[in-house]
Amino acid sequence: MNPPLSFKPTLRVLSDEQIRELHRATAAVLERTGMKVSHPEAREIFASNGARVEADRVFIPRTMLEDAIRQAPSRVVLGNRK
């Protein structure tokens, strides 16, 4: 019987600077252009938490985005492989 492998390969597509630039661009789009949110209750939740809502478009301020990122778990398990 072979011992279990401890090697975990990783795939890195973007550099750290590319990740930072993508984050800056995404934050700018969410703040300036916003996103369409069809569900009225979702728009209310965004508005009550500091987003600007105009009709069905939600504009997310950078501070709100950064707070959400800080509160998000660092790891999410989508399924348990056995």
PDB file of N, CA and C in Angstrom:
ATOM      1  N   MET A   1       0.844  -1.187   0.000  1.00  0.00           N
ATOM      2  CA  MET A   1       0.000   0.000   0.000  1.00  0.00           C
ATOM      3  C   MET A   1       0.885   1.245   0.000  1.00  0.00           C
ATOM      4  N   ASN A   2       0.588   2.165  -0.886  1.00  0.00           N
ATOM      5  CA  ASN A   2       1.363   3.404  -0.995  1.00  0.00           C
ATOM      6  C   ASN A   2       0.901   4.426   0.045  1.00  0.00           C
ATOM      7  N   PRO A   3       1.840   5.184   0.616  1.00  0.00           N
ATOM      8  CA  PRO A   3       1.437   6.247   1.559  1.00  0.00           C
ATOM      9  C   PRO A   3       0.707   7.360   0.803  1.00  0.00           C
ATOM     10  N   PRO A   4      -0.189   8.063   1.489  1.00  0.00           N
ATOM     11  CA  PRO A   4      -0.913   9.150   0.814  1.00  0.00           C
ATOM     12  C   PRO A   4       0.051  10.249   0.373  1.00  0.00           C
ATOM     13  N   LEU A   5      -0.284  10.870  -0.731  1.00  0.00           N
ATOM     14  CA  LEU A   5       0.541  11.961  -1.253  1.00  0.00           C
ATOM     15  C   LEU A   5       0.310  13.228  -0.437  1.00  0.00           C
ATOM     16  N   SER A   6       1.367  13.903  -0.106  1.00  0.00           N
ATOM     17  CA  SER A   6       1.224  15.150   0.635  1.00  0.00           C
ATOM     18  C   SER A   6       1.445  16.361  -0.280  1.00  0.00           C
ATOM     19  N   PHE A   7       1.776  16.108  -1.528  1.00  0.00           N
ATOM     20  CA  PHE A   7       2.010  17.183  -2.489  1.00  0.00           C
ATOM     21  C   PHE A   7       0.671  17.717  -2.982  1.00  0.00           C
ATOM     22  N   LYS A   8       0.494  19.028  -2.888  1.00  0.00           N
ATOM     23  CA  LYS A   8      -0.735  19.656  -3.360  1.00  0.00           C
ATOM     24  C   LYS A   8      -0.356  20.684  -4.421  1.00  0.00           C
ATOM     25  N   PRO A   9      -0.546  20.361  -5.687  1.00  0.00           N
ATOM     26  CA  PRO A   9      -0.171  21.302  -6.737  1.00  0.00           C
ATOM     27  C   PRO A   9      -1.078  22.535  -6.716  1.00  0.00           C
ATOM     28  N   THR A  10      -0.519  23.664  -7.087  1.00  0.00           N
ATOM     29  CA  THR A  10      -1.298  24.891  -7.172  1.00  0.00           C
ATOM     30  C   THR A  10      -1.147  25.485  -8.559  1.00  0.00           C
ATOM     31  N   LEU A  11      -2.168  26.144  -8.989  1.00  0.00           N
ATOM     32  CA  LEU A  11      -2.158  26.825 -10.274  1.00  0.00           C
ATOM     33  C   LEU A  11      -2.284  28.316 -10.008  1.00  0.00           C
ATOM     34  N   ARG A  12      -1.340  29.063 -10.493  1.00  0.00           N
ATOM     35  CA  ARG A  12      -1.354  30.516 -10.289  1.00  0.00           C
ATOM     36  C   ARG A  12      -1.446  31.180 -11.658  1.00  0.00           C
ATOM     37  N   VAL A  13      -2.583  31.808 -11.931  1.00  0.00           N
ATOM     38  CA  VAL A  13      -2.832  32.404 -13.231  1.00  0.00           C
ATOM     39  C   VAL A  13      -2.448  33.880 -13.255  1.00  0.00           C
ATOM     40  N   LEU A  14      -2.697  34.588 -12.148  1.00  0.00           N
ATOM     41  CA  LEU A  14      -2.440  36.028 -12.075  1.00  0.00           C
ATOM     42  C   LEU A  14      -1.339  36.326 -11.063  1.00  0.00           C
ATOM     43  N   SER A  15      -0.562  37.353 -11.358  1.00  0.00           N
ATOM     44  CA  SER A  15       0.443  37.811 -10.400  1.00  0.00           C
ATOM     45  C   SER A  15      -0.249  38.631  -9.313  1.00  0.00           C
ATOM     46  N   ASP A  16       0.459  38.913  -8.224  1.00  0.00           N
ATOM     47  CA  ASP A  16      -0.115  39.734  -7.147  1.00  0.00           C
ATOM     48  C   ASP A  16      -0.528  41.102  -7.663  1.00  0.00           C
ATOM     49  N   GLU A  17       0.302  41.708  -8.515  1.00  0.00           N
ATOM     50  CA  GLU A  17      -0.035  43.024  -9.069  1.00  0.00           C
ATOM     51  C   GLU A  17      -1.267  42.939  -9.966  1.00  0.00           C
ATOM     52  N   GLN A  18      -1.406  41.891 -10.742  1.00  0.00           N
ATOM     53  CA  GLN A  18      -2.590  41.719 -11.586  1.00  0.00           C
ATOM     54  C   GLN A  18      -3.845  41.543 -10.736  1.00  0.00           C
ATOM     55  N   ILE A  19      -3.726  40.845  -9.634  1.00  0.00           N
ATOM     56  CA  ILE A  19      -4.862  40.675  -8.726  1.00  0.00           C
ATOM     57  C   ILE A  19      -5.262  42.020  -8.134  1.00  0.00           C
ATOM     58  N   ARG A  20      -4.285  42.814  -7.713  1.00  0.00           N
ATOM     59  CA  ARG A  20      -4.586  44.155  -7.167  1.00  0.00           C
ATOM     60  C   ARG A  20      -5.253  45.039  -8.216  1.00  0.00           C
ATOM     61  N   GLU A  21      -4.770  45.008  -9.445  1.00  0.00           N
ATOM     62  CA  GLU A  21      -5.350  45.822 -10.520  1.00  0.00           C
ATOM     63  C   GLU A  21      -6.778  45.371 -10.839  1.00  0.00           C
ATOM     64  N   LEU A  22      -7.008  44.079 -10.865  1.00  0.00           N
ATOM     65  CA  LEU A  22      -8.353  43.551 -11.102  1.00  0.00           C
ATOM     66  C   LEU A  22      -9.296  43.992  -9.987  1.00  0.00           C
ATOM     67  N   HIS A  23      -8.830  43.969  -8.758  1.00  0.00           N
ATOM     68  CA  HIS A  23      -9.647  44.408  -7.628  1.00  0.00           C
ATOM     69  C   HIS A  23      -9.983  45.902  -7.745  1.00  0.00           C
ATOM     70  N   ARG A  24      -8.969  46.714  -8.075  1.00  0.00           N
ATOM     71  CA  ARG A  24      -9.211  48.163  -8.233  1.00  0.00           C
ATOM     72  C   ARG A  24     -10.251  48.429  -9.325  1.00  0.00           C
ATOM     73  N   ALA A  25     -10.122  47.746 -10.452  1.00  0.00           N
ATOM     74  CA  ALA A  25     -11.047  47.953 -11.578  1.00  0.00           C
ATOM     75  C   ALA A  25     -12.455  47.478 -11.214  1.00  0.00           C
ATOM     76  N   THR A  26     -12.553  46.363 -10.545  1.00  0.00           N
ATOM     77  CA  THR A  26     -13.859  45.834 -10.145  1.00  0.00           C
ATOM     78  C   THR A  26     -14.540  46.778  -9.161  1.00  0.00           C
ATOM     79  N   ALA A  27     -13.784  47.276  -8.188  1.00  0.00           N
ATOM     80  CA  ALA A  27     -14.337  48.207  -7.208  1.00  0.00           C
ATOM     81  C   ALA A  27     -14.840  49.476  -7.904  1.00  0.00           C
ATOM     82  N   ALA A  28     -14.103  49.956  -8.891  1.00  0.00           N
ATOM     83  CA  ALA A  28     -14.513  51.161  -9.625  1.00  0.00           C
ATOM     84  C   ALA A  28     -15.809  50.922 -10.392  1.00  0.00           C
ATOM     85  N   VAL A  29     -15.941  49.775 -11.022  1.00  0.00           N
ATOM     86  CA  VAL A  29     -17.167  49.460 -11.768  1.00  0.00           C
ATOM     87  C   VAL A  29     -18.352  49.370 -10.822  1.00  0.00           C
ATOM     88  N   LEU A  30     -18.196  48.680  -9.699  1.00  0.00           N
ATOM     89  CA  LEU A  30     -19.301  48.550  -8.754  1.00  0.00           C
ATOM     90  C   LEU A  30     -19.722  49.894  -8.170  1.00  0.00           C
ATOM     91  N   GLU A  31     -18.756  50.795  -7.989  1.00  0.00           N
ATOM     92  CA  GLU A  31     -19.071  52.101  -7.403  1.00  0.00           C
ATOM     93  C   GLU A  31     -19.639  53.077  -8.434  1.00  0.00           C
ATOM     94  N   ARG A  32     -19.059  53.120  -9.626  1.00  0.00           N
ATOM     95  CA  ARG A  32     -19.469  54.119 -10.635  1.00  0.00           C
ATOM     96  C   ARG A  32     -20.588  53.638 -11.553  1.00  0.00           C
ATOM     97  N   THR A  33     -20.496  52.418 -12.035  1.00  0.00           N
ATOM     98  CA  THR A  33     -21.465  51.887 -12.995  1.00  0.00           C
ATOM     99  C   THR A  33     -22.567  51.122 -12.282  1.00  0.00           C
ATOM    100  N   GLY A  34     -22.209  50.453 -11.207  1.00  0.00           N
ATOM    101  CA  GLY A  34     -23.176  49.676 -10.454  1.00  0.00           C
ATOM    102  C   GLY A  34     -23.499  48.363 -11.145  1.00  0.00           C
ATOM    103  N   MET A  35     -24.503  47.699 -10.618  1.00  0.00           N
ATOM    104  CA  MET A  35     -24.945  46.440 -11.211  1.00  0.00           C
ATOM    105  C   MET A  35     -26.455  46.357 -11.117  1.00  0.00           C
ATOM    106  N   LYS A  36     -27.028  45.658 -12.076  1.00  0.00           N
ATOM    107  CA  LYS A  36     -28.478  45.495 -12.094  1.00  0.00           C
ATOM    108  C   LYS A  36     -28.849  44.429 -11.077  1.00  0.00           C
ATOM    109  N   VAL A  37     -29.805  44.763 -10.221  1.00  0.00           N
ATOM    110  CA  VAL A  37     -30.317  43.818  -9.230  1.00  0.00           C
ATOM    111  C   VAL A  37     -31.829  43.777  -9.412  1.00  0.00           C
ATOM    112  N   SER A  38     -32.326  42.649  -9.884  1.00  0.00           N
ATOM    113  CA  SER A  38     -33.745  42.518 -10.205  1.00  0.00           C
ATOM    114  C   SER A  38     -34.633  42.309  -8.981  1.00  0.00           C
ATOM    115  N   HIS A  39     -34.107  41.699  -7.954  1.00  0.00           N
ATOM    116  CA  HIS A  39     -34.921  41.338  -6.802  1.00  0.00           C
ATOM    117  C   HIS A  39     -35.097  42.533  -5.865  1.00  0.00           C
ATOM    118  N   PRO A  40     -36.345  42.977  -5.654  1.00  0.00           N
ATOM    119  CA  PRO A  40     -36.591  44.165  -4.810  1.00  0.00           C
ATOM    120  C   PRO A  40     -36.048  44.026  -3.386  1.00  0.00           C
ATOM    121  N   GLU A  41     -36.204  42.856  -2.777  1.00  0.00           N
ATOM    122  CA  GLU A  41     -35.722  42.673  -1.405  1.00  0.00           C
ATOM    123  C   GLU A  41     -34.199  42.785  -1.343  1.00  0.00           C
ATOM    124  N   ALA A  42     -33.521  42.270  -2.365  1.00  0.00           N
ATOM    125  CA  ALA A  42     -32.056  42.385  -2.409  1.00  0.00           C
ATOM    126  C   ALA A  42     -31.649  43.855  -2.507  1.00  0.00           C
ATOM    127  N   ARG A  43     -32.363  44.632  -3.318  1.00  0.00           N
ATOM    128  CA  ARG A  43     -32.069  46.078  -3.418  1.00  0.00           C
ATOM    129  C   ARG A  43     -32.260  46.764  -2.080  1.00  0.00           C
ATOM    130  N   GLU A  44     -33.303  46.381  -1.353  1.00  0.00           N
ATOM    131  CA  GLU A  44     -33.553  46.962  -0.027  1.00  0.00           C
ATOM    132  C   GLU A  44     -32.412  46.625   0.932  1.00  0.00           C
ATOM    133  N   ILE A  45     -31.934  45.398   0.875  1.00  0.00           N
ATOM    134  CA  ILE A  45     -30.828  44.987   1.751  1.00  0.00           C
ATOM    135  C   ILE A  45     -29.575  45.788   1.424  1.00  0.00           C
ATOM    136  N   PHE A  46     -29.272  45.933   0.126  1.00  0.00           N
ATOM    137  CA  PHE A  46     -28.123  46.752  -0.265  1.00  0.00           C
ATOM    138  C   PHE A  46     -28.291  48.180   0.238  1.00  0.00           C
ATOM    139  N   ALA A  47     -29.466  48.780   0.028  1.00  0.00           N
ATOM    140  CA  ALA A  47     -29.706  50.168   0.426  1.00  0.00           C
ATOM    141  C   ALA A  47     -29.574  50.346   1.937  1.00  0.00           C
ATOM    142  N   SER A  48     -30.107  49.404   2.694  1.00  0.00           N
ATOM    143  CA  SER A  48     -30.057  49.534   4.148  1.00  0.00           C
ATOM    144  C   SER A  48     -28.650  49.326   4.705  1.00  0.00           C
ATOM    145  N   ASN A  49     -27.756  48.839   3.855  1.00  0.00           N
ATOM    146  CA  ASN A  49     -26.373  48.631   4.290  1.00  0.00           C
ATOM    147  C   ASN A  49     -25.394  49.614   3.663  1.00  0.00           C
ATOM    148  N   GLY A  50     -25.908  50.659   3.020  1.00  0.00           N
ATOM    149  CA  GLY A  50     -25.042  51.728   2.556  1.00  0.00           C
ATOM    150  C   GLY A  50     -24.855  51.875   1.066  1.00  0.00           C
ATOM    151  N   ALA A  51     -25.483  51.011   0.268  1.00  0.00           N
ATOM    152  CA  ALA A  51     -25.367  51.147  -1.185  1.00  0.00           C
ATOM    153  C   ALA A  51     -26.382  52.169  -1.685  1.00  0.00           C
ATOM    154  N   ARG A  52     -26.063  52.812  -2.788  1.00  0.00           N
ATOM    155  CA  ARG A  52     -26.998  53.727  -3.447  1.00  0.00           C
ATOM    156  C   ARG A  52     -27.809  52.909  -4.444  1.00  0.00           C
ATOM    157  N   VAL A  53     -29.124  53.072  -4.416  1.00  0.00           N
ATOM    158  CA  VAL A  53     -29.997  52.329  -5.326  1.00  0.00           C
ATOM    159  C   VAL A  53     -30.775  53.331  -6.172  1.00  0.00           C
ATOM    160  N   GLU A  54     -30.717  53.146  -7.484  1.00  0.00           N
ATOM    161  CA  GLU A  54     -31.481  53.951  -8.437  1.00  0.00           C
ATOM    162  C   GLU A  54     -32.209  52.983  -9.354  1.00  0.00           C
ATOM    163  N   ALA A  55     -33.520  52.921  -9.206  1.00  0.00           N
ATOM    164  CA  ALA A  55     -34.359  51.968  -9.957  1.00  0.00           C
ATOM    165  C   ALA A  55     -33.868  50.557  -9.657  1.00  0.00           C
ATOM    166  N   ASP A  56     -33.431  49.825 -10.690  1.00  0.00           N
ATOM    167  CA  ASP A  56     -32.964  48.453 -10.454  1.00  0.00           C
ATOM    168  C   ASP A  56     -31.435  48.357 -10.444  1.00  0.00           C
ATOM    169  N   ARG A  57     -30.753  49.493 -10.328  1.00  0.00           N
ATOM    170  CA  ARG A  57     -29.283  49.517 -10.324  1.00  0.00           C
ATOM    171  C   ARG A  57     -28.780  49.826  -8.920  1.00  0.00           C
ATOM    172  N   VAL A  58     -27.783  49.042  -8.497  1.00  0.00           N
ATOM    173  CA  VAL A  58     -27.193  49.193  -7.162  1.00  0.00           C
ATOM    174  C   VAL A  58     -25.737  49.617  -7.327  1.00  0.00           C
ATOM    175  N   PHE A  59     -25.354  50.688  -6.636  1.00  0.00           N
ATOM    176  CA  PHE A  59     -23.988  51.211  -6.662  1.00  0.00           C
ATOM    177  C   PHE A  59     -23.354  50.920  -5.299  1.00  0.00           C
ATOM    178  N   ILE A  60     -22.299  50.141  -5.311  1.00  0.00           N
ATOM    179  CA  ILE A  60     -21.691  49.690  -4.064  1.00  0.00           C
ATOM    180  C   ILE A  60     -20.440  50.516  -3.768  1.00  0.00           C
ATOM    181  N   PRO A  61     -20.437  51.275  -2.672  1.00  0.00           N
ATOM    182  CA  PRO A  61     -19.255  52.059  -2.330  1.00  0.00           C
ATOM    183  C   PRO A  61     -18.080  51.149  -1.966  1.00  0.00           C
ATOM    184  N   ARG A  62     -16.882  51.649  -2.234  1.00  0.00           N
ATOM    185  CA  ARG A  62     -15.678  50.848  -1.983  1.00  0.00           C
ATOM    186  C   ARG A  62     -15.588  50.387  -0.526  1.00  0.00           C
ATOM    187  N   THR A  63     -15.990  51.249   0.408  1.00  0.00           N
ATOM    188  CA  THR A  63     -15.926  50.868   1.824  1.00  0.00           C
ATOM    189  C   THR A  63     -16.825  49.669   2.117  1.00  0.00           C
ATOM    190  N   MET A  64     -17.986  49.632   1.496  1.00  0.00           N
ATOM    191  CA  MET A  64     -18.908  48.514   1.684  1.00  0.00           C
ATOM    192  C   MET A  64     -18.311  47.229   1.102  1.00  0.00           C
ATOM    193  N   LEU A  65     -17.689  47.342  -0.069  1.00  0.00           N
ATOM    194  CA  LEU A  65     -17.030  46.197  -0.692  1.00  0.00           C
ATOM    195  C   LEU A  65     -15.895  45.683   0.181  1.00  0.00           C
ATOM    196  N   GLU A  66     -15.043  46.593   0.659  1.00  0.00           N
ATOM    197  CA  GLU A  66     -13.905  46.191   1.487  1.00  0.00           C
ATOM    198  C   GLU A  66     -14.365  45.541   2.793  1.00  0.00           C
ATOM    199  N   ASP A  67     -15.426  46.069   3.405  1.00  0.00           N
ATOM    200  CA  ASP A  67     -15.966  45.466   4.628  1.00  0.00           C
ATOM    201  C   ASP A  67     -16.456  44.045   4.359  1.00  0.00           C
ATOM    202  N   ALA A  68     -17.149  43.851   3.242  1.00  0.00           N
ATOM    203  CA  ALA A  68     -17.659  42.522   2.896  1.00  0.00           C
ATOM    204  C   ALA A  68     -16.511  41.541   2.673  1.00  0.00           C
ATOM    205  N   ILE A  69     -15.450  42.000   2.019  1.00  0.00           N
ATOM    206  CA  ILE A  69     -14.293  41.131   1.781  1.00  0.00           C
ATOM    207  C   ILE A  69     -13.636  40.749   3.104  1.00  0.00           C
ATOM    208  N   ARG A  70     -13.491  41.713   4.013  1.00  0.00           N
ATOM    209  CA  ARG A  70     -12.882  41.430   5.318  1.00  0.00           C
ATOM    210  C   ARG A  70     -13.694  40.407   6.110  1.00  0.00           C
ATOM    211  N   GLN A  71     -15.012  40.451   5.976  1.00  0.00           N
ATOM    212  CA  GLN A  71     -15.884  39.563   6.738  1.00  0.00           C
ATOM    213  C   GLN A  71     -16.043  38.183   6.101  1.00  0.00           C
ATOM    214  N   ALA A  72     -15.671  38.053   4.839  1.00  0.00           N
ATOM    215  CA  ALA A  72     -15.837  36.776   4.135  1.00  0.00           C
ATOM    216  C   ALA A  72     -14.839  35.752   4.671  1.00  0.00           C
ATOM    217  N   PRO A  73     -15.236  34.488   4.713  1.00  0.00           N
ATOM    218  CA  PRO A  73     -14.291  33.455   5.155  1.00  0.00           C
ATOM    219  C   PRO A  73     -13.144  33.332   4.158  1.00  0.00           C
ATOM    220  N   SER A  74     -11.976  32.969   4.658  1.00  0.00           N
ATOM    221  CA  SER A  74     -10.813  32.839   3.785  1.00  0.00           C
ATOM    222  C   SER A  74     -10.876  31.565   2.940  1.00  0.00           C
ATOM    223  N   ARG A  75     -11.733  30.645   3.329  1.00  0.00           N
ATOM    224  CA  ARG A  75     -11.832  29.370   2.618  1.00  0.00           C
ATOM    225  C   ARG A  75     -13.273  28.900   2.617  1.00  0.00           C
ATOM    226  N   VAL A  76     -13.726  28.393   1.474  1.00  0.00           N
ATOM    227  CA  VAL A  76     -15.069  27.838   1.357  1.00  0.00           C
ATOM    228  C   VAL A  76     -14.938  26.445   0.760  1.00  0.00           C
ATOM    229  N   VAL A  77     -15.484  25.458   1.446  1.00  0.00           N
ATOM    230  CA  VAL A  77     -15.446  24.079   0.945  1.00  0.00           C
ATOM    231  C   VAL A  77     -16.743  23.828   0.179  1.00  0.00           C
ATOM    232  N   LEU A  78     -16.620  23.536  -1.106  1.00  0.00           N
ATOM    233  CA  LEU A  78     -17.794  23.305  -1.931  1.00  0.00           C
ATOM    234  C   LEU A  78     -18.268  21.851  -1.876  1.00  0.00           C
ATOM    235  N   GLY A  79     -17.355  20.971  -1.591  1.00  0.00           N
ATOM    236  CA  GLY A  79     -17.711  19.557  -1.500  1.00  0.00           C
ATOM    237  C   GLY A  79     -16.600  18.814  -0.805  1.00  0.00           C
ATOM    238  N   ASN A  80     -16.929  17.715  -0.192  1.00  0.00           N
ATOM    239  CA  ASN A  80     -15.921  16.943   0.528  1.00  0.00           C
ATOM    240  C   ASN A  80     -15.564  15.721  -0.299  1.00  0.00           C
ATOM    241  N   ARG A  81     -14.328  15.665  -0.764  1.00  0.00           N
ATOM    242  CA  ARG A  81     -13.869  14.515  -1.537  1.00  0.00           C
ATOM    243  C   ARG A  81     -13.492  13.401  -0.586  1.00  0.00           C
ATOM    244  N   LYS A  82     -13.923  12.215  -0.913  1.00  0.00           N
ATOM    245  CA  LYS A  82     -13.593  11.061  -0.048  1.00  0.00           C
ATOM    246  C   LYS A  82     -12.726  10.093  -0.773  1.00  0.00           C
TER     247      LYS A  82
END
